[in-house]
C-alpha atoms as a PDB file:
ATOM      1  CA  MET A   1     -49.056 -43.101  13.122  1.00  0.00           C
ATOM      2  CA  LYS A   2     -47.065 -40.662  11.022  1.00  0.00           C
ATOM      3  CA  LEU A   3     -46.842 -38.335  14.001  1.00  0.00           C
ATOM      4  CA  LYS A   4     -45.326 -41.054  16.211  1.00  0.00           C
ATOM      5  CA  GLN A   5     -42.818 -41.930  13.487  1.00  0.00           C
ATOM      6  CA  ARG A   6     -41.831 -38.259  13.070  1.00  0.00           C
ATOM      7  CA  ILE A   7     -41.383 -37.880  16.819  1.00  0.00           C
ATOM      8  CA  LYS A   8     -39.197 -41.026  16.902  1.00  0.00           C
ATOM      9  CA  GLU A   9     -37.082 -39.732  13.999  1.00  0.00           C
ATOM     10  CA  LYS A  10     -36.733 -36.307  15.596  1.00  0.00           C
ATOM     11  CA  SER A  11     -35.928 -37.731  19.027  1.00  0.00           C
ATOM     12  CA  PHE A  12     -33.237 -39.928  17.463  1.00  0.00           C
ATOM     13  CA  LEU A  13     -31.831 -36.842  15.718  1.00  0.00           C
ATOM     14  CA  ALA A  14     -32.070 -34.859  18.980  1.00  0.00           C
ATOM     15  CA  ILE A  15     -30.153 -37.577  20.841  1.00  0.00           C
ATOM     16  CA  ILE A  16     -27.408 -37.601  18.192  1.00  0.00           C
ATOM     17  CA  ILE A  17     -27.134 -33.800  18.364  1.00  0.00           C
ATOM     18  CA  ALA A  18     -27.058 -33.866  22.196  1.00  0.00           C
ATOM     19  CA  VAL A  19     -24.328 -36.549  22.212  1.00  0.00           C
ATOM     20  CA  ALA A  20     -22.309 -34.587  19.627  1.00  0.00           C
ATOM     21  CA  ILE A  21     -22.592 -31.393  21.704  1.00  0.00           C
ATOM     22  CA  MET A  22     -21.513 -33.240  24.856  1.00  0.00           C
ATOM     23  CA  LEU A  23     -18.600 -34.813  22.999  1.00  0.00           C
ATOM     24  CA  ILE A  24     -17.461 -31.409  21.693  1.00  0.00           C
ATOM     25  CA  PHE A  25     -17.813 -29.950  25.201  1.00  0.00           C
ATOM     26  CA  CYS A  26     -15.678 -32.754  26.701  1.00  0.00           C
ATOM     27  CA  ILE A  27     -13.019 -32.337  24.006  1.00  0.00           C
ATOM     28  CA  VAL A  28     -12.836 -28.596  24.706  1.00  0.00           C
ATOM     29  CA  LEU A  29     -12.512 -29.250  28.460  1.00  0.00           C
ATOM     30  CA  PHE A  30      -9.830 -31.883  27.862  1.00  0.00           C
ATOM     31  CA  MET A  31      -7.838 -29.608  25.550  1.00  0.00           C
ATOM     32  CA  SER A  32      -8.063 -26.768  28.067  1.00  0.00           C
ATOM     33  CA  GLY A  33      -6.466 -29.014  30.701  1.00  0.00           C
ATOM     34  CA  PHE A  34      -9.557 -29.275  32.908  1.00  0.00           C
ATOM     35  CA  PHE A  35      -9.263 -33.063  33.220  1.00  0.00           C
ATOM     36  CA  GLN A  36      -5.469 -33.158  33.329  1.00  0.00           C
ATOM     37  CA  GLU A  37      -3.644 -33.229  36.641  1.00  0.00           C
ATOM     38  CA  ASN A  38      -1.808 -30.062  37.443  1.00  0.00           C
ATOM     39  CA  GLU A  39       1.779 -31.343  37.614  1.00  0.00           C
ATOM     40  CA  ASN A  40       3.006 -28.204  39.350  1.00  0.00           C
ATOM     41  CA  TYR A  41       0.517 -28.517  42.195  1.00  0.00           C
ATOM     42  CA  GLU A  42       2.486 -31.169  44.096  1.00  0.00           C
ATOM     43  CA  ASN A  43       5.823 -29.560  43.245  1.00  0.00           C
ATOM     44  CA  LYS A  44       4.804 -26.056  44.342  1.00  0.00           C
ATOM     45  CA  GLU A  45       6.315 -26.634  47.788  1.00  0.00           C
ATOM     46  CA  VAL A  46       9.498 -27.983  46.183  1.00  0.00           C
ATOM     47  CA  GLU A  47       9.897 -24.968  43.922  1.00  0.00           C
ATOM     48  CA  ASN A  48       9.375 -22.465  46.746  1.00  0.00           C
ATOM     49  CA  MET A  49      11.579 -24.099  49.360  1.00  0.00           C
ATOM     50  CA  THR A  50      15.056 -22.613  49.740  1.00  0.00           C
ATOM     51  CA  LEU A  51      18.168 -23.760  51.571  1.00  0.00           C
ATOM     52  CA  GLU A  52      17.288 -21.326  54.377  1.00  0.00           C
ATOM     53  CA  ASP A  53      13.974 -23.171  54.908  1.00  0.00           C
ATOM     54  CA  LEU A  54      15.753 -26.429  55.714  1.00  0.00           C
ATOM     55  CA  PRO A  55      16.376 -27.587  59.277  1.00  0.00           C
ATOM     56  CA  GLU A  56      19.512 -26.063  60.819  1.00  0.00           C
ATOM     57  CA  GLU A  57      21.438 -29.367  60.930  1.00  0.00           C
ATOM     58  CA  VAL A  58      20.805 -29.886  57.190  1.00  0.00           C
ATOM     59  CA  GLN A  59      22.011 -26.353  56.440  1.00  0.00           C
ATOM     60  CA  LYS A  60      25.195 -27.047  58.425  1.00  0.00           C
ATOM     61  CA  GLU A  61      25.809 -30.252  56.451  1.00  0.00           C
ATOM     62  CA  ILE A  62      25.414 -28.333  53.178  1.00  0.00           C
ATOM     63  CA  GLU A  63      27.992 -25.815  54.420  1.00  0.00           C
ATOM     64  CA  ASN A  64      30.293 -28.747  55.317  1.00  0.00           C
ATOM     65  CA  LEU A  65      29.968 -30.008  51.743  1.00  0.00           C
ATOM     66  CA  LYS A  66      31.124 -26.639  50.383  1.00  0.00           C
ATOM     67  CA  PHE A  67      34.098 -25.712  52.504  1.00  0.00           C
ATOM     68  CA  PRO A  68      36.385 -28.565  53.465  1.00  0.00           C
ATOM     69  CA  PRO A  69      38.720 -29.418  50.626  1.00  0.00           C
ATOM     70  CA  ARG A  70      36.689 -31.763  48.467  1.00  0.00           C
ATOM     71  CA  ASN A  71      37.550 -33.701  45.338  1.00  0.00           C
ATOM     72  CA  PHE A  72      34.568 -32.226  43.506  1.00  0.00           C
ATOM     73  CA  SER A  73      32.791 -28.916  43.005  1.00  0.00           C
ATOM     74  CA  ILE A  74      29.073 -28.187  43.443  1.00  0.00           C
ATOM     75  CA  SER A  75      27.076 -26.542  40.660  1.00  0.00           C
ATOM     76  CA  LYS A  76      23.620 -26.427  42.298  1.00  0.00           C
ATOM     77  CA  TYR A  77      21.186 -27.921  44.777  1.00  0.00           C
ATOM     78  CA  GLU A  78      17.584 -29.043  44.409  1.00  0.00           C
ATOM     79  CA  ILE A  79      15.249 -29.610  47.328  1.00  0.00           C
ATOM     80  CA  GLU A  80      12.579 -32.294  47.167  1.00  0.00           C
ATOM     81  CA  SER A  81      10.645 -31.490  50.324  1.00  0.00           C
ATOM     82  CA  LYS A  82       8.040 -34.210  49.710  1.00  0.00           C
ATOM     83  CA  ASN A  83      10.766 -36.903  49.735  1.00  0.00           C
ATOM     84  CA  LYS A  84      12.936 -34.965  52.210  1.00  0.00           C
ATOM     85  CA  GLN A  85      15.867 -35.186  49.820  1.00  0.00           C
ATOM     86  CA  ILE A  86      18.593 -32.751  48.843  1.00  0.00           C
ATOM     87  CA  ILE A  87      19.941 -33.339  45.340  1.00  0.00           C
ATOM     88  CA  VAL A  88      23.499 -32.081  44.987  1.00  0.00           C
ATOM     89  CA  TYR A  89      24.819 -31.608  41.440  1.00  0.00           C
ATOM     90  CA  VAL A  90      28.585 -32.047  41.328  1.00  0.00           C
ATOM     91  CA  PHE A  91      31.216 -31.503  38.640  1.00  0.00           C
ATOM     92  CA  ASN A  92      34.959 -31.544  38.265  1.00  0.00           C
ATOM     93  CA  ILE A  93      35.043 -34.842  40.158  1.00  0.00           C
ATOM     94  CA  ARG A  94      38.591 -35.876  40.994  1.00  0.00           C
ATOM     95  CA  ASP A  95      37.652 -38.805  43.262  1.00  0.00           C
ATOM     96  CA  GLU A  96      34.545 -40.857  42.410  1.00  0.00           C
ATOM     97  CA  GLY A  97      34.960 -42.767  45.685  1.00  0.00           C
ATOM     98  CA  GLU A  98      34.370 -39.635  47.745  1.00  0.00           C
ATOM     99  CA  VAL A  99      31.162 -38.857  45.852  1.00  0.00           C
ATOM    100  CA  ASN A 100      29.989 -42.479  46.133  1.00  0.00           C
ATOM    101  CA  SER A 101      30.645 -42.529  49.887  1.00  0.00           C
ATOM    102  CA  LEU A 102      28.450 -39.451  50.312  1.00  0.00           C
ATOM    103  CA  GLN A 103      25.479 -41.098  48.528  1.00  0.00           C
ATOM    104  CA  SER A 104      24.345 -42.597  51.843  1.00  0.00           C
ATOM    105  CA  LEU A 105      24.540 -39.258  53.690  1.00  0.00           C
ATOM    106  CA  GLN A 106      21.529 -38.823  55.978  1.00  0.00           C
ATOM    107  CA  VAL A 107      20.862 -35.864  58.301  1.00  0.00           C
ATOM    108  CA  GLY A 108      17.784 -36.300  60.440  1.00  0.00           C
ATOM    109  CA  GLU A 109      14.916 -37.167  58.098  1.00  0.00           C
ATOM    110  CA  TRP A 110      16.760 -35.708  55.096  1.00  0.00           C
ATOM    111  CA  SER A 111      18.833 -37.740  52.658  1.00  0.00           C
ATOM    112  CA  PHE A 112      21.343 -36.512  50.092  1.00  0.00           C
ATOM    113  CA  LYS A 113      21.678 -37.646  46.495  1.00  0.00           C
ATOM    114  CA  PHE A 114      24.701 -36.682  44.410  1.00  0.00           C
ATOM    115  CA  ILE A 115      24.445 -36.387  40.624  1.00  0.00           C
ATOM    116  CA  HIS A 116      27.334 -35.805  38.223  1.00  0.00           C
ATOM    117  CA  ASP A 117      26.404 -32.577  36.406  1.00  0.00           C
ATOM    118  CA  ILE A 118      27.756 -33.435  32.967  1.00  0.00           C
ATOM    119  CA  GLY A 119      25.679 -30.676  31.362  1.00  0.00           C
ATOM    120  CA  TYR A 120      27.392 -28.063  33.518  1.00  0.00           C
ATOM    121  CA  GLU A 121      30.808 -29.438  32.582  1.00  0.00           C
ATOM    122  CA  GLU A 122      29.846 -29.207  28.898  1.00  0.00           C
ATOM    123  CA  GLU A 123      28.738 -25.594  29.413  1.00  0.00           C
ATOM    124  CA  MET A 124      32.073 -24.835  31.070  1.00  0.00           C
ATOM    125  CA  ASP A 125      33.928 -26.363  28.134  1.00  0.00           C
ATOM    126  CA  MET A 126      31.828 -24.330  25.705  1.00  0.00           C
ATOM    127  CA  ALA A 127      32.558 -21.146  27.674  1.00  0.00           C
ATOM    128  CA  ALA A 128      36.286 -21.964  27.709  1.00  0.00           C
ATOM    129  CA  GLU A 129      36.267 -22.381  23.930  1.00  0.00           C
ATOM    130  CA  TYR A 130      34.296 -19.150  23.535  1.00  0.00           C
ATOM    131  CA  PHE A 131      36.752 -17.152  25.657  1.00  0.00           C
ATOM    132  CA  GLU A 132      39.814 -18.714  24.013  1.00  0.00           C
ATOM    133  CA  GLU A 133      38.388 -17.667  20.618  1.00  0.00           C
ATOM    134  CA  MET A 134      37.713 -14.150  21.942  1.00  0.00           C
ATOM    135  CA  LYS A 135      41.198 -13.961  23.440  1.00  0.00           C
ATOM    136  CA  LYS A 136      42.767 -15.021  20.139  1.00  0.00           C
ATOM    137  CA  ASN A 137      40.594 -12.889  17.824  1.00  0.00           C
ATOM    138  CA  HIS A 138      40.213  -9.792  20.026  1.00  0.00           C
ATOM    139  CA  PRO A 139      43.503  -8.908  21.719  1.00  0.00           C
ATOM    140  CA  GLU A 140      42.090  -5.444  22.482  1.00  0.00           C
ATOM    141  CA  LEU A 141      39.899  -7.088  25.168  1.00  0.00           C
ATOM    142  CA  LYS A 142      43.050  -7.929  27.214  1.00  0.00           C
ATOM    143  CA  ILE A 143      41.491 -11.163  28.553  1.00  0.00           C
ATOM    144  CA  ALA A 144      43.410 -12.765  31.407  1.00  0.00           C
ATOM    145  CA  GLY A 145      40.912 -15.487  32.320  1.00  0.00           C
ATOM    146  CA  PHE A 146      37.306 -16.334  33.018  1.00  0.00           C
ATOM    147  CA  GLY A 147      35.010 -18.022  35.491  1.00  0.00           C
ATOM    148  CA  ILE A 148      31.545 -19.495  35.122  1.00  0.00           C
ATOM    149  CA  SER A 149      28.601 -20.036  37.462  1.00  0.00           C
ATOM    150  CA  SER A 150      25.000 -21.031  36.842  1.00  0.00           C
ATOM    151  CA  LYS A 151      23.944 -17.427  36.157  1.00  0.00           C
ATOM    152  CA  GLU A 152      27.112 -15.458  35.522  1.00  0.00           C
ATOM    153  CA  LEU A 153      30.351 -15.338  33.588  1.00  0.00           C
ATOM    154  CA  GLU A 154      33.352 -13.530  35.016  1.00  0.00           C
ATOM    155  CA  MET A 155      35.897 -12.192  32.581  1.00  0.00           C
ATOM    156  CA  TRP A 156      39.181 -11.111  34.112  1.00  0.00           C
ATOM    157  CA  VAL A 157      41.172  -8.578  32.095  1.00  0.00           C
ATOM    158  CA  TYR A 158      44.685  -7.181  32.408  1.00  0.00           C
ATOM    159  CA  ASN A 159      43.646  -3.596  31.698  1.00  0.00           C
ATOM    160  CA  ARG A 160      40.307  -1.857  31.560  1.00  0.00           C
ATOM    161  CA  THR A 161      39.507  -0.891  27.963  1.00  0.00           C
ATOM    162  CA  THR A 162      36.462   0.564  26.247  1.00  0.00           C
ATOM    163  CA  GLU A 163      36.037  -2.725  24.392  1.00  0.00           C
ATOM    164  CA  ASN A 164      36.024  -5.005  27.427  1.00  0.00           C
ATOM    165  CA  GLN A 165      33.894  -2.625  29.524  1.00  0.00           C
ATOM    166  CA  ALA A 166      31.278  -2.655  26.730  1.00  0.00           C
ATOM    167  CA  LEU A 167      30.770  -6.371  27.489  1.00  0.00           C
ATOM    168  CA  ASP A 168      30.073  -5.804  31.213  1.00  0.00           C
ATOM    169  CA  GLY A 169      26.445  -6.655  32.006  1.00  0.00           C
ATOM    170  CA  LYS A 170      25.720  -8.217  28.608  1.00  0.00           C
ATOM    171  CA  ASP A 171      24.176 -11.669  28.185  1.00  0.00           C
ATOM    172  CA  ILE A 172      26.601 -14.177  26.704  1.00  0.00           C
ATOM    173  CA  LEU A 173      25.970 -17.939  26.639  1.00  0.00           C
ATOM    174  CA  ASN A 174      22.717 -17.380  28.604  1.00  0.00           C
ATOM    175  CA  ARG A 175      24.635 -15.765  31.469  1.00  0.00           C
ATOM    176  CA  THR A 176      25.377 -12.199  32.503  1.00  0.00           C
ATOM    177  CA  ILE A 177      29.022 -11.287  32.006  1.00  0.00           C
ATOM    178  CA  HIS A 178      30.925  -9.225  34.570  1.00  0.00           C
ATOM    179  CA  VAL A 179      34.301  -7.750  33.723  1.00  0.00           C
ATOM    180  CA  TYR A 180      36.977  -7.425  36.434  1.00  0.00           C
ATOM    181  CA  VAL A 181      40.550  -6.164  36.318  1.00  0.00           C
ATOM    182  CA  CYS A 182      43.039  -8.731  37.638  1.00  0.00           C
ATOM    183  CA  SER A 183      46.002  -7.783  39.786  1.00  0.00           C
ATOM    184  CA  THR A 184      48.646  -9.716  37.863  1.00  0.00           C
ATOM    185  CA  PRO A 185      50.450  -7.956  35.040  1.00  0.00           C
ATOM    186  CA  PRO A 186      50.012  -9.189  31.488  1.00  0.00           C
ATOM    187  CA  PRO A 187      52.615 -11.678  30.255  1.00  0.00           C
ATOM    188  CA  LYS A 188      55.588 -10.213  28.444  1.00  0.00           C
ATOM    189  CA  GLU A 189      55.356 -10.547  24.688  1.00  0.00           C
ATOM    190  CA  LYS A 190      57.907 -12.782  23.025  1.00  0.00           C
ATOM    191  CA  ARG A 191      60.263 -11.043  20.656  1.00  0.00           C
END
C-alpha cells in the first residue's frame, strides 16, 4: 500500500515538473519569436520592388507626375506590390484640388494614392532654420542658399573657403551635405 501511495505522489510530482518544463519551453519559444508571424515576410516583395520593376505604362505615368508643371512637389514613392498601389508622398502643395483629382488615378491594375508629406515639410523648415542660423553666425562659410532631399543637403556658397569645404560630405540633420559654388556674385554689403 505504501508503495502505491509513493508512486502516486511521485507521479503527481513528475507531472507537475513535466508541465513546468513544457511551460518554460513554450515561453522561451514565444519570446524568441517562434510563434509570432514574421511581419517582414509578406512585405519582402514590397521592400525589394523598385520603380524600374513596375510595368512600363506605370513608369511613364510616374514620369508624367514629375515633369509637367505641377502645383506640388514629390518627396518619395512607396510601392505596395501586393495591393498594386503606388503611394506618392507630396509636399509644397499649392493646389489641393489637383492632388485630390489625382487620388483616383489608375494605370492598368495599379492605383495611385497621394499623401501629404507633412514630416518632410517639417524637416525642410528645420533645415532652413539650421542654415539661416549658420549663415548668421558663420559668415566665413559664405552661404548663398541650400536645398534638401531625402538623403542629401546641398549648400550653395558664394566662394569656396576652407571652412565651407570642411562641411562637404559630413552628416548634418541625418543627411549628407554637399557644398557647391554658385554662379551669382555675393550681394553688396550695405554701408
